[in-house]
Amino acid sequence: MNTQTKVVLPAWIFEQAQGDKDEIKRLVLEYMKRYDGYRVIKVSKRLAICETHTI
């Protein structure tokens, strides 16, 4: 079963990317590697909307 969850993204991602959408995407995907089993669906404001697999 898949569940949607939201992860608050740190401000440094947006500061470092300086509005560049491709850079935001790269930084978010790199940051989310620490969340095992989470797959980013989209970024909304400062949240990563993710899908997780639960048993």
N, C-alpha and C. Protein backbone atom coordinates (compact mmCIF):
# COMPACT_ATOMS: atom_id res chain seq x y z
N MET A 1 0.84 -1.17 0.00
CA MET A 1 0.00 0.00 0.00
C MET A 1 0.89 1.24 0.00
N ASN A 2 0.55 2.24 -0.82
CA ASN A 2 1.31 3.48 -0.88
C ASN A 2 0.58 4.58 -0.11
N THR A 3 1.35 5.38 0.58
CA THR A 3 0.82 6.47 1.38
C THR A 3 1.50 7.76 0.98
N GLN A 4 0.74 8.84 0.91
CA GLN A 4 1.34 10.14 0.64
C GLN A 4 1.70 10.81 1.96
N THR A 5 2.83 11.48 1.95
CA THR A 5 3.28 12.22 3.12
C THR A 5 3.99 13.48 2.66
N LYS A 6 4.12 14.44 3.57
CA LYS A 6 4.78 15.70 3.25
C LYS A 6 6.04 15.83 4.10
N VAL A 7 7.10 16.30 3.47
CA VAL A 7 8.36 16.54 4.16
C VAL A 7 8.69 18.02 4.03
N VAL A 8 8.89 18.68 5.17
CA VAL A 8 9.27 20.09 5.15
C VAL A 8 10.72 20.18 4.67
N LEU A 9 10.93 20.99 3.65
CA LEU A 9 12.27 21.14 3.08
C LEU A 9 12.99 22.30 3.76
N PRO A 10 14.30 22.14 3.97
CA PRO A 10 15.06 23.21 4.63
C PRO A 10 15.21 24.44 3.73
N ALA A 11 15.28 25.60 4.37
CA ALA A 11 15.37 26.87 3.65
C ALA A 11 16.62 26.95 2.79
N TRP A 12 17.72 26.30 3.19
CA TRP A 12 18.97 26.41 2.44
C TRP A 12 18.82 25.91 1.01
N ILE A 13 17.91 24.99 0.77
CA ILE A 13 17.71 24.48 -0.60
C ILE A 13 17.28 25.62 -1.51
N PHE A 14 16.32 26.41 -1.05
CA PHE A 14 15.77 27.49 -1.87
C PHE A 14 16.74 28.67 -1.94
N GLU A 15 17.47 28.91 -0.88
CA GLU A 15 18.47 29.98 -0.88
C GLU A 15 19.60 29.66 -1.84
N GLN A 16 20.06 28.42 -1.79
CA GLN A 16 21.18 28.00 -2.64
C GLN A 16 20.77 27.97 -4.12
N ALA A 17 19.55 27.56 -4.40
CA ALA A 17 19.09 27.44 -5.79
C ALA A 17 18.78 28.80 -6.42
N GLN A 18 18.52 29.80 -5.63
CA GLN A 18 18.24 31.16 -6.11
C GLN A 18 17.16 31.19 -7.19
N GLY A 19 16.09 30.43 -6.98
CA GLY A 19 14.96 30.46 -7.91
C GLY A 19 15.09 29.59 -9.15
N ASP A 20 16.23 28.95 -9.36
CA ASP A 20 16.44 28.08 -10.52
C ASP A 20 15.71 26.75 -10.28
N LYS A 21 14.64 26.51 -11.03
CA LYS A 21 13.81 25.32 -10.81
C LYS A 21 14.58 24.01 -10.97
N ASP A 22 15.48 23.95 -11.94
CA ASP A 22 16.28 22.73 -12.13
C ASP A 22 17.20 22.48 -10.93
N GLU A 23 17.74 23.56 -10.39
CA GLU A 23 18.63 23.43 -9.23
C GLU A 23 17.83 23.04 -7.98
N ILE A 24 16.63 23.59 -7.84
CA ILE A 24 15.76 23.21 -6.71
C ILE A 24 15.47 21.71 -6.80
N LYS A 25 15.12 21.25 -7.98
CA LYS A 25 14.81 19.83 -8.18
C LYS A 25 16.02 18.96 -7.82
N ARG A 26 17.19 19.35 -8.28
CA ARG A 26 18.41 18.58 -7.99
C ARG A 26 18.69 18.54 -6.49
N LEU A 27 18.58 19.67 -5.83
CA LEU A 27 18.87 19.74 -4.40
C LEU A 27 17.83 18.97 -3.58
N VAL A 28 16.57 19.07 -3.97
CA VAL A 28 15.51 18.33 -3.26
C VAL A 28 15.74 16.83 -3.39
N LEU A 29 16.04 16.37 -4.60
CA LEU A 29 16.27 14.93 -4.80
C LEU A 29 17.49 14.45 -4.01
N GLU A 30 18.52 15.27 -3.95
CA GLU A 30 19.71 14.92 -3.17
C GLU A 30 19.37 14.86 -1.68
N TYR A 31 18.64 15.85 -1.20
CA TYR A 31 18.24 15.91 0.21
C TYR A 31 17.36 14.71 0.58
N MET A 32 16.46 14.33 -0.30
CA MET A 32 15.50 13.26 0.00
C MET A 32 16.13 11.88 0.03
N LYS A 33 17.38 11.75 -0.40
CA LYS A 33 18.06 10.45 -0.33
C LYS A 33 18.15 9.95 1.11
N ARG A 34 18.11 10.86 2.07
CA ARG A 34 18.19 10.45 3.48
C ARG A 34 16.88 9.86 3.98
N TYR A 35 15.81 10.00 3.20
CA TYR A 35 14.52 9.43 3.56
C TYR A 35 14.32 8.14 2.75
N ASP A 36 14.76 7.04 3.31
CA ASP A 36 14.69 5.75 2.63
C ASP A 36 13.24 5.37 2.35
N GLY A 37 12.95 5.01 1.12
CA GLY A 37 11.61 4.56 0.76
C GLY A 37 10.67 5.68 0.35
N TYR A 38 11.14 6.92 0.35
CA TYR A 38 10.30 8.04 -0.06
C TYR A 38 10.58 8.37 -1.53
N ARG A 39 9.50 8.58 -2.29
CA ARG A 39 9.63 8.98 -3.69
C ARG A 39 8.93 10.32 -3.85
N VAL A 40 9.67 11.32 -4.31
CA VAL A 40 9.12 12.66 -4.46
C VAL A 40 8.16 12.68 -5.64
N ILE A 41 6.94 13.13 -5.38
CA ILE A 41 5.93 13.29 -6.43
C ILE A 41 5.99 14.71 -6.97
N LYS A 42 6.04 15.69 -6.05
CA LYS A 42 6.14 17.09 -6.45
C LYS A 42 6.62 17.92 -5.28
N VAL A 43 7.02 19.15 -5.58
CA VAL A 43 7.41 20.12 -4.56
C VAL A 43 6.37 21.22 -4.60
N SER A 44 5.78 21.51 -3.45
CA SER A 44 4.76 22.54 -3.34
C SER A 44 5.16 23.48 -2.22
N LYS A 45 5.46 24.71 -2.59
CA LYS A 45 5.96 25.71 -1.65
C LYS A 45 7.25 25.17 -1.04
N ARG A 46 7.28 24.92 0.24
CA ARG A 46 8.51 24.39 0.87
C ARG A 46 8.30 22.97 1.38
N LEU A 47 7.42 22.26 0.71
CA LEU A 47 7.13 20.87 1.08
C LEU A 47 7.42 19.95 -0.09
N ALA A 48 7.97 18.79 0.24
CA ALA A 48 8.11 17.72 -0.76
C ALA A 48 6.93 16.79 -0.52
N ILE A 49 6.07 16.65 -1.51
CA ILE A 49 4.95 15.70 -1.43
C ILE A 49 5.53 14.37 -1.92
N CYS A 50 5.47 13.38 -1.03
CA CYS A 50 6.14 12.10 -1.31
C CYS A 50 5.16 10.95 -1.20
N GLU A 51 5.58 9.86 -1.81
CA GLU A 51 4.85 8.60 -1.71
C GLU A 51 5.77 7.62 -0.99
N THR A 52 5.21 6.93 -0.01
CA THR A 52 5.98 5.92 0.70
C THR A 52 5.26 4.58 0.57
N HIS A 53 6.02 3.55 0.59
CA HIS A 53 5.45 2.21 0.51
C HIS A 53 5.37 1.64 1.92
N THR A 54 4.16 1.26 2.35
CA THR A 54 3.98 0.67 3.66
C THR A 54 3.43 -0.74 3.51
N ILE A 55 3.75 -1.57 4.44
CA ILE A 55 3.31 -2.97 4.39
C ILE A 55 1.98 -3.13 5.10
